[in-house]
Amino acid sequence: MLTALLNARVLTPDEELAGATVVIRHGRIEAVGVGLTPPAGAQTFDLSGLTLAPGFVDIHVHGGGGFSLISEDPDEIRSYARWAVRRGVTGFLVTLVGAPLPQMKRWLAAAVAAGESLPAGQEGVDGSARPLGVHLEGPFVNPARRGALPSEGLRPPDVAEFLALAEAAQGSLKVITLAPELPGAAGIVAAARQRGVVASMGHTDATYEQALEAIEWGVRQATHCFNGMRPFHHRDPGCLGAILSSPKLSAELIADGVHVHPGAMALLLAAKGPQGTILITDGIAAAGLGDGAYSLAGEAIQVRNGVASLPDGTLAGSVVTMDQAVRNVVSAWGGALVPLAGAVRMASSNPAAALGLAQRLGRIAPGFAADLVALDERLEVAMTLVAGQPAYG
């Protein structure tokens, strides 16, 4: 299949090209430039007035559009993948929470089955976002910082159990969130590194010193920075002090205007920059829908005025979508905090790089997968392409 996208403002995101053409062959980008002549026989799309960016990659999401990724039903995960492209998402991690081991294995089996039926190859993606693997948010996290995670699903780090989970994931486990201060956490980090799994500190009460030690072990990410972790104090900086000051860590950010105050968001971006920040949704099934009663891994959730919470008021994931998160970052502080190119980087190339996919996804350049999103002047999604084929719009 040969496709040409014409007259777009292209964010690669390393540079901006006005009135550019993107040529796609067999699901991959073949050429990008201004003044290119579309190849003979190419299917063409005129993107005048639109901004073309790499497709968004959500590495921390539990669901959206009424569909839960914490499910034993592969069809529900497939349904989410078909919905997500409406929000500019072209790749995602099925993000699970801690639960009894047999239950986690059933969820992993569904994630594996869904991934096998939604091919991540160059063509034949059938209008769906790519499932890029699994993110385990637990079970090895600190109960004192569990947030909305079910308490019965939390337990001390156990390397044998981690290996059992990794085996059940059949190579699809990409990220594990853990609390590094728990006894045995170092063994999990070592086992994760051996298998190419990113260790992310989160739902943690780690001190500054414990967090620095974990970074030396090989922890390379912070799960939803500021949320579910020991708060910062100038005489007790805690794990946040280490996260903000270490160049070795990337930091996830929920930019929904609820989880993180704009002032804290500005602090994070001043410390990490757009290059060290990863936009996530932490979305639940209610994301993209209205207020009402929902559930998260069996926990009752109420959404009121766009805020998802447990009955006791604890925040329980978010209802933000990736396109909304990008708009929120761009509009923060009157648009002076992060330009669109920076927000695009945080939503595409940074998460792709975190997964070791920096040479395949997250950029508009020759050889990269043609997973793309076209945004209108209000930064609403006008069109999404996966492997060069229109999946939405």
Protein backbone atom coordinates (compact mmCIF):
# COMPACT_ATOMS: atom_id res chain seq x y z
CA MET A 1 0.00 0.00 0.00
CA LEU A 2 1.35 3.42 -1.01
CA THR A 3 0.03 6.56 0.70
CA ALA A 4 0.95 10.24 0.61
CA LEU A 5 -0.13 12.81 3.20
CA LEU A 6 -0.05 16.30 1.70
CA ASN A 7 0.19 19.91 2.88
CA ALA A 8 0.51 19.18 6.59
CA ARG A 9 2.34 21.05 9.29
CA VAL A 10 4.60 18.20 10.40
CA LEU A 11 6.10 17.87 13.91
CA THR A 12 8.73 15.18 13.70
CA PRO A 13 8.98 16.20 16.77
CA ASP A 14 12.64 17.24 16.32
CA GLU A 15 11.67 19.89 13.80
CA GLU A 16 8.64 21.57 12.29
CA LEU A 17 7.95 21.45 8.56
CA ALA A 18 5.27 23.63 6.98
CA GLY A 19 3.29 22.34 4.00
CA ALA A 20 5.13 19.03 4.04
CA THR A 21 4.46 15.69 2.38
CA VAL A 22 4.83 12.32 4.08
CA VAL A 23 5.13 9.26 1.85
CA ILE A 24 4.20 5.89 3.37
CA ARG A 25 4.92 2.50 1.84
CA HIS A 26 3.90 -0.83 3.38
CA GLY A 27 3.08 0.78 6.71
CA ARG A 28 6.37 2.62 7.13
CA ILE A 29 7.42 6.17 6.41
CA GLU A 30 9.47 6.32 3.23
CA ALA A 31 10.06 10.05 2.85
CA VAL A 32 9.28 13.34 4.59
CA GLY A 33 9.85 16.79 3.18
CA VAL A 34 8.60 20.01 1.67
CA GLY A 35 8.06 20.00 -2.09
CA LEU A 36 7.97 16.22 -2.48
CA THR A 37 5.94 14.94 -5.41
CA PRO A 38 3.59 12.11 -4.41
CA PRO A 39 4.58 8.84 -6.09
CA ALA A 40 2.41 7.68 -8.97
CA GLY A 41 -0.48 5.55 -7.80
CA ALA A 42 -0.33 6.71 -4.19
CA GLN A 43 -3.53 7.15 -2.23
CA THR A 44 -3.44 10.80 -1.15
CA PHE A 45 -4.89 12.70 1.79
CA ASP A 46 -4.87 16.51 1.88
CA LEU A 47 -4.08 17.59 5.45
CA SER A 48 -4.16 21.35 4.81
CA GLY A 49 -4.74 23.21 8.06
CA LEU A 50 -3.80 20.20 10.18
CA THR A 51 -0.76 19.41 12.29
CA LEU A 52 0.66 15.92 11.78
CA ALA A 53 2.41 14.36 14.78
CA PRO A 54 3.60 10.90 15.79
CA GLY A 55 0.76 8.84 17.23
CA PHE A 56 0.37 8.96 20.98
CA VAL A 57 1.70 6.06 23.07
CA ASP A 58 0.01 5.56 26.45
CA ILE A 59 2.18 3.36 28.67
CA HIS A 60 -0.05 3.64 31.75
CA VAL A 61 -3.75 3.13 31.05
CA HIS A 62 -6.39 0.85 32.57
CA GLY A 63 -9.16 1.53 30.05
CA GLY A 64 -11.38 4.08 28.36
CA GLY A 65 -14.49 4.51 26.29
CA GLY A 66 -16.37 2.16 28.60
CA PHE A 67 -13.83 -0.64 28.15
CA SER A 68 -11.55 -1.99 30.89
CA LEU A 69 -8.09 -3.36 30.15
CA ILE A 70 -8.18 -5.16 33.50
CA SER A 71 -10.21 -7.94 32.01
CA GLU A 72 -10.27 -11.68 31.35
CA ASP A 73 -11.95 -10.98 28.00
CA PRO A 74 -9.59 -10.30 25.08
CA ASP A 75 -12.50 -8.79 23.15
CA GLU A 76 -12.80 -6.00 25.71
CA ILE A 77 -9.13 -5.13 25.19
CA ARG A 78 -9.68 -5.21 21.42
CA SER A 79 -12.66 -2.89 21.83
CA TYR A 80 -10.51 -0.44 23.79
CA ALA A 81 -7.89 -0.56 21.02
CA ARG A 82 -10.52 0.36 18.44
CA TRP A 83 -11.77 3.22 20.64
CA ALA A 84 -8.35 4.62 21.56
CA VAL A 85 -7.52 5.74 18.01
CA ARG A 86 -10.31 8.31 18.33
CA ARG A 87 -8.09 9.99 20.91
CA GLY A 88 -4.93 9.85 18.81
CA VAL A 89 -3.51 6.79 20.59
CA THR A 90 -1.71 4.40 18.26
CA GLY A 91 0.05 2.27 20.89
CA PHE A 92 -0.58 1.38 24.53
CA LEU A 93 0.36 -0.88 27.41
CA VAL A 94 -2.37 -2.96 29.03
CA THR A 95 -1.94 -1.73 32.60
CA LEU A 96 -2.96 -4.20 35.30
CA VAL A 97 -3.07 -3.87 39.07
CA GLY A 98 -2.03 -6.24 41.81
CA ALA A 99 -4.38 -9.13 42.62
CA PRO A 100 -4.05 -12.76 43.75
CA LEU A 101 -1.63 -14.53 41.43
CA PRO A 102 -4.23 -16.75 39.68
CA GLN A 103 -6.31 -13.68 38.83
CA MET A 104 -3.29 -11.80 37.49
CA LYS A 105 -2.44 -14.78 35.30
CA ARG A 106 -5.96 -14.76 33.83
CA TRP A 107 -5.67 -11.05 33.07
CA LEU A 108 -2.27 -11.61 31.48
CA ALA A 109 -3.67 -14.42 29.34
CA ALA A 110 -6.31 -12.06 28.00
CA ALA A 111 -3.74 -9.35 27.29
CA VAL A 112 -1.56 -11.82 25.42
CA ALA A 113 -4.52 -13.12 23.39
CA ALA A 114 -5.63 -9.60 22.50
CA GLY A 115 -2.12 -8.68 21.42
CA GLU A 116 -1.87 -11.71 19.19
CA SER A 117 -5.14 -10.86 17.46
CA LEU A 118 -4.28 -7.19 16.95
CA PRO A 119 -1.11 -7.52 14.87
CA ALA A 120 1.73 -5.11 15.53
CA GLY A 121 3.20 -5.66 12.07
CA GLN A 122 3.45 -3.15 9.28
CA GLU A 123 0.01 -3.78 7.80
CA GLY A 124 -3.30 -5.38 8.71
CA VAL A 125 -3.85 -3.42 11.91
CA ASP A 126 -7.63 -3.23 11.21
CA GLY A 127 -8.26 0.23 12.59
CA SER A 128 -6.92 -0.46 16.07
CA ALA A 129 -4.19 0.96 18.26
CA ARG A 130 -1.22 -1.36 18.74
CA PRO A 131 -1.03 -3.27 22.04
CA LEU A 132 2.66 -2.90 22.90
CA GLY A 133 2.70 -5.09 25.99
CA VAL A 134 1.79 -5.02 29.67
CA HIS A 135 2.48 -2.67 32.57
CA LEU A 136 2.08 -4.24 36.02
CA GLU A 137 1.17 -1.58 38.59
CA GLY A 138 1.84 -3.87 41.53
CA PRO A 139 1.58 -6.20 43.33
CA PHE A 140 4.90 -5.20 44.94
CA VAL A 141 3.97 -1.71 46.15
CA ASN A 142 3.66 -0.09 49.57
CA PRO A 143 0.20 -0.42 51.19
CA ALA A 144 0.77 2.96 52.85
CA ARG A 145 0.79 4.59 49.39
CA ARG A 146 -1.61 2.27 47.59
CA GLY A 147 -4.09 4.98 46.58
CA ALA A 148 -6.97 3.19 44.87
CA LEU A 149 -5.12 -0.09 44.33
CA PRO A 150 -7.04 -2.96 46.01
CA SER A 151 -5.31 -3.82 49.30
CA GLU A 152 -5.83 -7.56 48.85
CA GLY A 153 -3.67 -7.44 45.72
CA LEU A 154 -0.55 -6.09 47.45
CA ARG A 155 2.28 -8.19 48.86
CA PRO A 156 6.04 -8.10 49.53
CA PRO A 157 8.39 -8.42 46.57
CA ASP A 158 9.02 -12.02 45.59
CA VAL A 159 11.35 -12.83 42.71
CA ALA A 160 9.76 -16.24 42.12
CA GLU A 161 6.35 -14.62 41.73
CA PHE A 162 7.76 -11.95 39.43
CA LEU A 163 9.22 -14.69 37.24
CA ALA A 164 5.86 -16.47 37.21
CA LEU A 165 4.16 -13.26 36.09
CA ALA A 166 6.80 -12.66 33.42
CA GLU A 167 6.34 -16.20 32.15
CA ALA A 168 2.56 -15.78 32.04
CA ALA A 169 3.05 -12.57 30.05
CA GLN A 170 4.92 -14.54 27.36
CA GLY A 171 7.39 -11.77 26.60
CA SER A 172 4.85 -8.96 26.71
CA LEU A 173 5.77 -7.58 30.15
CA LYS A 174 7.36 -4.17 29.55
CA VAL A 175 7.03 -2.16 32.80
CA ILE A 176 6.59 -3.04 36.46
CA THR A 177 5.79 -0.47 39.13
CA LEU A 178 7.20 -1.29 42.56
CA ALA A 179 8.11 0.32 45.88
CA PRO A 180 11.91 0.13 46.16
CA GLU A 181 11.94 0.50 49.96
CA LEU A 182 10.26 -2.89 50.45
CA PRO A 183 12.55 -5.80 51.39
CA GLY A 184 13.34 -7.84 48.29
CA ALA A 185 12.72 -5.01 45.80
CA ALA A 186 16.35 -5.07 44.63
CA GLY A 187 15.89 -8.66 43.46
CA ILE A 188 12.83 -7.67 41.41
CA VAL A 189 14.73 -4.82 39.76
CA ALA A 190 17.62 -7.14 38.88
CA ALA A 191 15.28 -9.79 37.45
CA ALA A 192 13.38 -7.13 35.49
CA ARG A 193 16.56 -5.72 33.97
CA GLN A 194 17.67 -9.19 32.88
CA ARG A 195 14.41 -9.52 30.95
CA GLY A 196 14.35 -6.04 29.46
CA VAL A 197 11.49 -4.92 31.72
CA VAL A 198 11.49 -1.29 32.89
CA ALA A 199 11.43 -0.95 36.69
CA SER A 200 9.42 2.11 37.74
CA MET A 201 9.16 3.39 41.31
CA GLY A 202 5.62 4.16 42.37
CA HIS A 203 3.08 3.75 45.15
CA THR A 204 6.14 4.17 47.33
CA ASP A 205 7.10 5.68 50.66
CA ALA A 206 10.81 5.62 49.80
CA THR A 207 13.13 8.15 51.36
CA TYR A 208 15.51 10.20 49.26
CA GLU A 209 18.36 7.84 50.10
CA GLN A 210 16.32 4.72 49.30
CA ALA A 211 15.25 6.19 45.98
CA LEU A 212 18.84 7.03 45.03
CA GLU A 213 19.86 3.47 45.88
CA ALA A 214 17.06 2.14 43.68
CA ILE A 215 18.28 4.27 40.79
CA GLU A 216 21.70 2.66 41.22
CA TRP A 217 20.02 -0.78 41.03
CA GLY A 218 18.52 0.22 37.68
CA VAL A 219 15.13 1.82 38.34
CA ARG A 220 14.61 4.13 35.37
CA GLN A 221 11.10 5.53 35.66
CA ALA A 222 8.72 7.12 38.15
CA THR A 223 5.06 6.11 38.06
CA HIS A 224 2.56 9.04 37.94
CA CYS A 225 5.00 11.48 39.54
CA PHE A 226 3.71 13.21 42.71
CA ASN A 227 0.84 10.75 43.07
CA GLY A 228 1.10 7.68 45.29
CA MET A 229 4.45 8.66 46.76
CA ARG A 230 6.00 10.33 49.80
CA PRO A 231 5.59 14.10 49.46
CA PHE A 232 8.52 16.49 49.14
CA HIS A 233 9.77 18.47 52.14
CA HIS A 234 12.86 20.65 52.15
CA ARG A 235 14.33 18.69 55.09
CA ASP A 236 13.00 15.35 53.87
CA PRO A 237 12.96 15.41 50.05
CA GLY A 238 11.83 11.80 49.81
CA CYS A 239 11.69 9.90 46.56
CA LEU A 240 10.39 13.02 44.81
CA GLY A 241 13.66 14.76 45.51
CA ALA A 242 15.54 11.93 43.83
CA ILE A 243 13.11 11.73 40.91
CA LEU A 244 13.29 15.43 40.17
CA SER A 245 17.07 15.66 40.49
CA SER A 246 18.23 12.46 38.78
CA PRO A 247 18.86 12.62 35.02
CA LYS A 248 18.60 8.81 34.89
CA LEU A 249 14.85 8.78 35.52
CA SER A 250 11.90 9.57 33.29
CA ALA A 251 8.77 10.75 35.08
CA GLU A 252 5.19 9.86 34.19
CA LEU A 253 2.74 12.76 34.44
CA ILE A 254 -1.07 12.69 34.61
CA ALA A 255 -1.91 16.08 33.08
CA ASP A 256 -5.63 16.05 33.83
CA GLY A 257 -5.70 19.18 35.99
CA VAL A 258 -6.78 17.05 38.95
CA HIS A 259 -3.89 14.79 39.95
CA VAL A 260 -1.15 17.43 39.71
CA HIS A 261 -1.49 21.18 40.37
CA PRO A 262 -0.17 23.35 37.51
CA GLY A 263 2.51 24.68 39.86
CA ALA A 264 3.76 21.16 40.58
CA MET A 265 3.58 20.37 36.87
CA ALA A 266 5.74 23.41 36.19
CA LEU A 267 8.23 22.21 38.82
CA LEU A 268 8.41 18.77 37.19
CA LEU A 269 8.95 20.24 33.75
CA ALA A 270 11.56 22.67 35.03
CA ALA A 271 13.46 19.74 36.53
CA LYS A 272 12.97 17.07 33.86
CA GLY A 273 12.11 19.11 30.78
CA PRO A 274 9.83 17.78 28.05
CA GLN A 275 12.61 15.33 27.18
CA GLY A 276 12.39 13.63 30.59
CA THR A 277 8.62 13.61 31.03
CA ILE A 278 6.14 10.99 29.79
CA LEU A 279 2.49 11.91 29.46
CA ILE A 280 0.13 9.16 30.62
CA THR A 281 -3.60 9.03 31.23
CA ASP A 282 -3.89 6.45 34.03
CA GLY A 283 -7.30 6.23 32.38
CA ILE A 284 -10.05 3.94 33.61
CA ALA A 285 -13.06 2.60 31.69
CA ALA A 286 -14.90 5.88 32.37
CA ALA A 287 -12.32 7.93 30.42
CA GLY A 288 -14.00 9.78 27.60
CA LEU A 289 -17.45 9.25 29.12
CA GLY A 290 -19.58 11.28 31.49
CA ASP A 291 -20.12 11.28 35.22
CA GLY A 292 -21.56 8.16 36.81
CA ALA A 293 -20.84 4.94 38.67
CA TYR A 294 -18.04 2.71 37.38
CA SER A 295 -15.55 0.16 38.72
CA LEU A 296 -11.80 -0.44 38.70
CA ALA A 297 -10.62 -4.01 39.32
CA GLY A 298 -13.75 -4.66 41.34
CA GLU A 299 -13.55 -1.41 43.32
CA ALA A 300 -16.59 0.91 43.12
CA ILE A 301 -15.67 4.21 41.45
CA GLN A 302 -17.72 7.37 41.25
CA VAL A 303 -17.02 10.02 38.60
CA ARG A 304 -18.25 13.51 39.48
CA ASN A 305 -17.34 16.63 37.53
CA GLY A 306 -14.62 14.71 35.70
CA VAL A 307 -12.97 13.37 38.87
CA ALA A 308 -12.83 9.61 39.51
CA SER A 309 -12.65 8.55 43.14
CA LEU A 310 -13.37 5.84 45.66
CA PRO A 311 -16.27 6.38 48.11
CA ASP A 312 -13.77 7.82 50.63
CA GLY A 313 -12.61 10.44 48.13
CA THR A 314 -9.31 8.78 47.14
CA LEU A 315 -8.48 9.50 43.50
CA ALA A 316 -8.94 6.37 41.41
CA GLY A 317 -7.24 6.71 38.06
CA SER A 318 -8.37 9.45 35.73
CA VAL A 319 -10.90 10.10 32.99
CA VAL A 320 -8.53 12.19 30.88
CA THR A 321 -7.67 11.08 27.35
CA MET A 322 -4.29 11.49 25.66
CA ASP A 323 -5.45 14.22 23.31
CA GLN A 324 -6.89 16.10 26.29
CA ALA A 325 -3.61 15.68 28.18
CA VAL A 326 -1.69 17.17 25.26
CA ARG A 327 -4.09 20.11 25.11
CA ASN A 328 -3.83 20.61 28.85
CA VAL A 329 -0.04 20.74 28.77
CA VAL A 330 0.01 23.17 25.86
CA SER A 331 -2.56 25.48 27.47
CA ALA A 332 -1.02 25.42 30.97
CA TRP A 333 0.25 28.78 32.18
CA GLY A 334 -1.30 30.53 29.20
CA GLY A 335 0.62 28.38 26.73
CA ALA A 336 4.01 29.48 28.08
CA LEU A 337 4.97 26.23 29.81
CA VAL A 338 5.42 23.75 26.96
CA PRO A 339 5.05 24.32 23.19
CA LEU A 340 3.10 21.80 21.12
CA ALA A 341 6.29 20.10 19.91
CA GLY A 342 7.28 19.45 23.53
CA ALA A 343 3.85 18.07 24.42
CA VAL A 344 3.97 15.81 21.36
CA ARG A 345 7.38 14.53 22.44
CA MET A 346 6.00 13.75 25.90
CA ALA A 347 3.10 11.81 24.38
CA SER A 348 4.92 9.92 21.62
CA SER A 349 8.69 9.68 21.29
CA ASN A 350 9.40 9.66 25.05
CA PRO A 351 7.10 6.73 25.89
CA ALA A 352 8.29 4.88 22.78
CA ALA A 353 11.89 5.35 23.92
CA ALA A 354 11.02 4.16 27.42
CA LEU A 355 9.87 0.88 25.88
CA GLY A 356 13.03 0.50 23.82
CA LEU A 357 11.18 1.37 20.62
CA ALA A 358 12.98 4.61 19.81
CA GLN A 359 14.04 3.28 16.40
CA ARG A 360 10.52 2.18 15.41
CA LEU A 361 7.91 4.46 16.93
CA GLY A 362 7.39 8.04 18.00
CA ARG A 363 8.93 9.98 15.13
CA ILE A 364 8.01 11.09 11.64
CA ALA A 365 11.13 10.00 9.81
CA PRO A 366 12.05 7.46 7.13
CA GLY A 367 11.97 3.89 8.40
CA PHE A 368 9.58 4.57 11.28
CA ALA A 369 6.15 3.01 11.59
CA ALA A 370 3.52 5.27 10.06
CA ASP A 371 1.54 5.59 13.31
CA LEU A 372 0.37 9.18 13.11
CA VAL A 373 -2.22 11.64 14.40
CA ALA A 374 -3.50 14.77 12.64
CA LEU A 375 -4.69 17.57 14.93
CA ASP A 376 -6.85 20.53 13.99
CA GLU A 377 -6.28 24.10 15.13
CA ARG A 378 -7.93 23.33 18.49
CA LEU A 379 -5.67 20.26 18.86
CA GLU A 380 -8.66 17.96 18.47
CA VAL A 381 -8.01 14.67 16.68
CA ALA A 382 -9.01 14.94 13.03
CA MET A 383 -7.40 11.71 11.79
CA THR A 384 -5.39 8.79 13.15
CA LEU A 385 -3.34 6.40 11.04
CA VAL A 386 -1.90 3.10 12.21
CA ALA A 387 0.67 1.44 9.93
CA GLY A 388 -0.20 4.08 7.33
CA GLN A 389 -3.86 3.19 7.19
CA PRO A 390 -6.65 5.49 8.40
CA ALA A 391 -7.98 4.13 11.70
CA TYR A 392 -10.09 7.16 12.53
CA GLY A 393 -11.28 10.27 10.70
